[in-house]
Amino acid sequence: MPFAMMKQNDLYKVLASNVVSKVGKDVEKEKLQTRILIGSECGFVDGKIEAEVKLTGILSLGALQPGESRKYGTAIAPGLYAPVHQHFFVARMDMSVDRKPGESHNQVVEVDVKIEGPGDANVHDNAFYTEEKLLKFELEAIRDCNPSSARHWIIRNTRTVNRTGQLTSYKLVAGSNCLPLGGAEAKFLRRAAFLMHNLWVTQYEPEEMFPGGEFPNQNPCVGEGLATWVKKNPSL
């Protein structure tokens, strides 16, 4: 193996067999095995934790006239196309890095890589360094990924250090990402405003469980959940 895996915990599995019919006289009925795996968590000997989410299943289809094509989908069989769409997976992480009961000595910093300007300190014009920004309040802790600066976030304990004298911490590294492909007035963004940003850092609050509010489906209200909670702008 390319790496040593300590454990794999499949939090939720659904296995289902589905029989579907494909359009076309020369195409027989095909039995498909559908596997939905949500929440595969892998721990590594270096302390890294990876969360992997996979979603597979039967496509939602639309009909095509002979010779027709659709701008918003891909033809997958004669007379059928699959609309392009997005899936969003959201995780709430209650971080507690080296904390004892009753303590609150954690903080979150945003880290960006900066390119050193040309000069005596960078004679080969290839030097770069990291720059930290402490996130102090909830409204300023609404953040987005930035691959051009290798942006990541560190959650650290301000009271404990490791063997090299650095504050103990975990680094949060985002995987592949894409913000919602919809206009500002899209109805789904009215109900799920939290999708407009990659990261929301908030104070721990056990009741704030659902980023889109408790009842997001067909909810006529705007911005419930995270987008409303952070307006109080408490300190972090």
Protein backbone atom coordinates (compact mmCIF):
# COMPACT_ATOMS: atom_id res chain seq x y z
CA MET A 1 0.00 0.00 0.00
CA PRO A 2 1.21 3.55 -0.67
CA PHE A 3 0.25 4.53 2.86
CA ALA A 4 -0.50 2.86 6.19
CA MET A 5 -4.18 3.00 7.07
CA MET A 6 -5.16 2.64 10.69
CA LYS A 7 -8.89 2.24 10.25
CA GLN A 8 -11.77 2.73 7.94
CA ASN A 9 -15.16 3.38 9.41
CA ASP A 10 -18.06 3.25 7.00
CA LEU A 11 -20.59 5.30 8.91
CA TYR A 12 -23.44 4.62 6.56
CA LYS A 13 -23.93 2.21 3.74
CA VAL A 14 -26.83 1.52 1.49
CA LEU A 15 -26.63 -1.29 -1.00
CA ALA A 16 -29.43 -1.65 -3.49
CA SER A 17 -30.08 -3.50 -6.69
CA ASN A 18 -32.10 -1.76 -9.34
CA VAL A 19 -33.49 -2.94 -12.63
CA VAL A 20 -33.82 -0.26 -15.31
CA SER A 21 -34.93 -0.36 -18.91
CA LYS A 22 -32.97 1.48 -21.56
CA VAL A 23 -34.58 2.97 -24.62
CA GLY A 24 -33.77 1.28 -27.93
CA LYS A 25 -34.82 -1.97 -29.55
CA ASP A 26 -31.28 -3.32 -29.52
CA VAL A 27 -30.69 -2.63 -25.85
CA GLU A 28 -31.69 -5.26 -23.35
CA LYS A 29 -32.77 -4.64 -19.81
CA GLU A 30 -29.77 -4.19 -17.59
CA LYS A 31 -29.43 -4.87 -13.92
CA LEU A 32 -27.43 -2.21 -12.13
CA GLN A 33 -25.83 -2.53 -8.73
CA THR A 34 -26.11 0.80 -6.91
CA ARG A 35 -23.86 1.51 -3.98
CA ILE A 36 -24.21 4.63 -1.90
CA LEU A 37 -21.40 5.18 0.58
CA ILE A 38 -21.59 8.18 2.85
CA GLY A 39 -19.00 9.05 5.45
CA SER A 40 -15.93 6.91 4.91
CA GLU A 41 -13.41 8.07 7.49
CA CYS A 42 -9.74 7.08 7.23
CA GLY A 43 -7.10 7.67 9.89
CA PHE A 44 -3.38 7.51 9.17
CA VAL A 45 -0.33 6.83 11.29
CA ASP A 46 0.86 10.43 10.88
CA GLY A 47 -2.31 11.69 12.57
CA LYS A 48 -4.06 12.72 9.37
CA ILE A 49 -7.79 12.11 9.06
CA GLU A 50 -9.47 12.02 5.67
CA ALA A 51 -13.21 12.09 5.13
CA GLU A 52 -14.35 10.69 1.80
CA VAL A 53 -17.91 11.00 0.54
CA LYS A 54 -19.12 9.10 -2.49
CA LEU A 55 -22.53 9.13 -4.09
CA THR A 56 -23.57 6.89 -6.94
CA GLY A 57 -26.98 5.89 -8.20
CA ILE A 58 -29.50 5.91 -11.01
CA LEU A 59 -29.48 9.04 -13.13
CA SER A 60 -32.39 11.45 -13.29
CA LEU A 61 -33.23 11.48 -16.99
CA GLY A 62 -34.92 13.62 -19.60
CA ALA A 63 -36.34 12.68 -23.00
CA LEU A 64 -34.92 13.67 -26.39
CA GLN A 65 -36.48 13.80 -29.80
CA PRO A 66 -34.55 12.00 -32.58
CA GLY A 67 -31.54 14.13 -33.50
CA GLU A 68 -32.11 16.52 -30.61
CA SER A 69 -29.45 17.59 -28.10
CA ARG A 70 -29.70 19.57 -24.90
CA LYS A 71 -27.47 22.40 -23.74
CA TYR A 72 -27.91 21.51 -20.08
CA GLY A 73 -27.23 17.79 -20.22
CA THR A 74 -25.40 14.88 -21.83
CA ALA A 75 -26.95 12.24 -24.09
CA ILE A 76 -26.44 8.81 -22.53
CA ALA A 77 -28.62 6.63 -24.79
CA PRO A 78 -30.93 7.07 -27.77
CA GLY A 79 -33.76 9.35 -26.67
CA LEU A 80 -32.32 10.00 -23.19
CA TYR A 81 -30.13 12.65 -21.63
CA ALA A 82 -28.90 13.29 -18.08
CA PRO A 83 -29.12 16.92 -16.88
CA VAL A 84 -25.92 18.41 -15.45
CA HIS A 85 -26.26 19.23 -11.77
CA GLN A 86 -24.36 19.67 -8.51
CA HIS A 87 -24.23 17.80 -5.22
CA PHE A 88 -23.24 19.55 -2.00
CA PHE A 89 -21.99 17.77 1.11
CA VAL A 90 -21.75 19.74 4.34
CA ALA A 91 -19.95 18.72 7.52
CA ARG A 92 -20.09 20.27 10.97
CA MET A 93 -16.85 19.77 12.91
CA ASP A 94 -16.81 20.40 16.64
CA MET A 95 -13.09 20.95 17.11
CA SER A 96 -11.41 20.38 20.46
CA VAL A 97 -7.64 20.35 20.05
CA ASP A 98 -5.92 19.30 23.28
CA ARG A 99 -8.69 20.88 25.31
CA LYS A 100 -9.59 19.85 28.82
CA PRO A 101 -13.21 19.99 30.07
CA GLY A 102 -14.26 23.59 30.61
CA GLU A 103 -11.38 25.09 28.65
CA SER A 104 -11.71 27.18 25.50
CA HIS A 105 -8.16 27.71 24.36
CA ASN A 106 -8.67 26.98 20.68
CA GLN A 107 -8.41 29.48 17.83
CA VAL A 108 -8.67 29.33 14.05
CA VAL A 109 -6.20 30.96 11.70
CA GLU A 110 -6.29 31.23 7.93
CA VAL A 111 -3.01 30.51 6.15
CA ASP A 112 -2.06 31.76 2.69
CA VAL A 113 1.17 31.29 0.79
CA LYS A 114 2.80 34.55 -0.29
CA ILE A 115 5.46 35.03 -2.96
CA GLU A 116 8.46 37.03 -1.84
CA GLY A 117 9.16 40.07 -3.97
CA PRO A 118 12.42 40.32 -5.90
CA GLY A 119 15.41 41.71 -4.02
CA ASP A 120 18.33 40.80 -1.82
CA ALA A 121 16.18 38.36 0.16
CA ASN A 122 15.07 36.60 -3.02
CA VAL A 123 17.93 36.71 -5.49
CA HIS A 124 16.68 33.65 -7.40
CA ASP A 125 13.09 34.95 -7.48
CA ASN A 126 11.67 31.67 -6.16
CA ALA A 127 11.10 32.33 -2.44
CA PHE A 128 7.72 32.08 -0.77
CA TYR A 129 6.37 31.96 2.77
CA THR A 130 3.12 31.53 4.69
CA GLU A 131 1.08 34.33 6.22
CA GLU A 132 -1.48 33.82 8.96
CA LYS A 133 -4.69 35.67 9.67
CA LEU A 134 -6.43 35.12 13.00
CA LEU A 135 -10.20 34.81 12.64
CA LYS A 136 -11.60 36.81 15.56
CA PHE A 137 -15.32 37.19 14.85
CA GLU A 138 -17.94 35.06 13.10
CA LEU A 139 -18.69 37.51 10.29
CA GLU A 140 -15.02 37.76 9.31
CA ALA A 141 -14.74 33.96 9.57
CA ILE A 142 -16.93 33.33 6.52
CA ARG A 143 -14.20 32.12 4.20
CA ASP A 144 -13.58 30.69 0.74
CA CYS A 145 -10.96 28.40 -0.73
CA ASN A 146 -8.15 29.98 -2.74
CA PRO A 147 -6.06 27.45 -4.65
CA SER A 148 -3.76 30.18 -6.02
CA SER A 149 -2.42 30.74 -2.49
CA ALA A 150 -2.75 27.14 -1.23
CA ARG A 151 -5.16 28.47 1.40
CA HIS A 152 -5.87 26.29 4.39
CA TRP A 153 -6.94 26.74 7.99
CA ILE A 154 -5.36 25.75 11.29
CA ILE A 155 -7.27 25.01 14.48
CA ARG A 156 -4.82 25.20 17.35
CA ASN A 157 -4.57 25.21 21.09
CA THR A 158 -3.02 28.41 22.41
CA ARG A 159 -1.68 26.81 25.60
CA THR A 160 0.03 23.58 24.53
CA VAL A 161 3.04 22.98 22.31
CA ASN A 162 4.50 19.97 20.52
CA ARG A 163 8.08 18.72 20.77
CA THR A 164 9.33 21.39 18.36
CA GLY A 165 7.76 24.18 20.43
CA GLN A 166 4.91 24.92 18.03
CA LEU A 167 1.31 25.16 19.15
CA THR A 168 -0.52 21.86 18.77
CA SER A 169 -3.01 22.03 15.95
CA TYR A 170 -4.89 20.36 13.13
CA LYS A 171 -4.79 21.68 9.59
CA LEU A 172 -8.01 21.82 7.62
CA VAL A 173 -7.37 21.31 3.90
CA ALA A 174 -10.27 21.51 1.49
CA GLY A 175 -10.59 19.04 -1.33
CA SER A 176 -11.86 19.81 -4.82
CA ASN A 177 -14.49 22.51 -4.61
CA CYS A 178 -16.93 24.49 -6.69
CA LEU A 179 -19.30 27.16 -5.45
CA PRO A 180 -22.97 26.98 -6.47
CA LEU A 181 -23.54 27.42 -10.19
CA GLY A 182 -26.61 29.58 -9.85
CA GLY A 183 -27.65 33.22 -9.97
CA ALA A 184 -28.04 35.38 -6.89
CA GLU A 185 -31.83 35.01 -7.00
CA ALA A 186 -31.85 31.22 -7.37
CA LYS A 187 -34.49 29.79 -5.06
CA PHE A 188 -32.26 27.06 -3.71
CA LEU A 189 -29.76 29.70 -2.55
CA ARG A 190 -32.50 31.51 -0.68
CA ARG A 191 -32.99 28.34 1.36
CA ALA A 192 -29.32 27.34 1.48
CA ALA A 193 -27.39 30.61 1.65
CA PHE A 194 -24.52 28.86 3.43
CA LEU A 195 -23.52 27.30 0.10
CA MET A 196 -22.14 30.63 -1.08
CA HIS A 197 -19.01 30.13 1.03
CA ASN A 198 -16.71 27.18 1.66
CA LEU A 199 -16.11 27.65 5.40
CA TRP A 200 -18.07 29.16 8.26
CA VAL A 201 -16.36 29.32 11.65
CA THR A 202 -18.73 29.85 14.57
CA GLN A 203 -18.80 29.48 18.32
CA TYR A 204 -19.82 26.06 19.56
CA GLU A 205 -23.58 25.94 19.91
CA PRO A 206 -25.18 22.50 20.30
CA GLU A 207 -28.53 23.65 18.90
CA GLU A 208 -27.10 24.99 15.64
CA MET A 209 -27.19 21.68 13.83
CA PHE A 210 -28.61 22.40 10.37
CA PRO A 211 -26.84 25.04 8.24
CA GLY A 212 -29.94 25.61 6.11
CA GLY A 213 -32.33 25.73 9.06
CA GLU A 214 -34.40 22.87 10.41
CA PHE A 215 -36.87 22.74 7.53
CA PRO A 216 -35.14 23.84 4.31
CA ASN A 217 -37.31 21.97 1.79
CA GLN A 218 -39.68 24.48 0.15
CA ASN A 219 -39.10 26.94 2.98
CA PRO A 220 -40.17 30.42 1.80
CA CYS A 221 -37.94 32.14 4.39
CA VAL A 222 -34.61 33.56 3.29
CA GLY A 223 -31.23 32.85 4.85
CA GLU A 224 -32.20 30.65 7.75
CA GLY A 225 -29.48 28.69 9.50
CA LEU A 226 -25.84 29.77 9.29
CA ALA A 227 -26.52 32.98 7.37
CA THR A 228 -28.75 34.14 10.24
CA TRP A 229 -26.73 32.82 13.16
CA VAL A 230 -23.57 34.71 12.26
CA LYS A 231 -25.35 38.09 12.19
CA LYS A 232 -24.92 38.24 15.96
CA ASN A 233 -21.17 38.30 15.19
CA PRO A 234 -19.86 36.93 18.49
CA SER A 235 -16.15 36.67 19.06
CA LEU A 236 -14.33 33.44 18.43
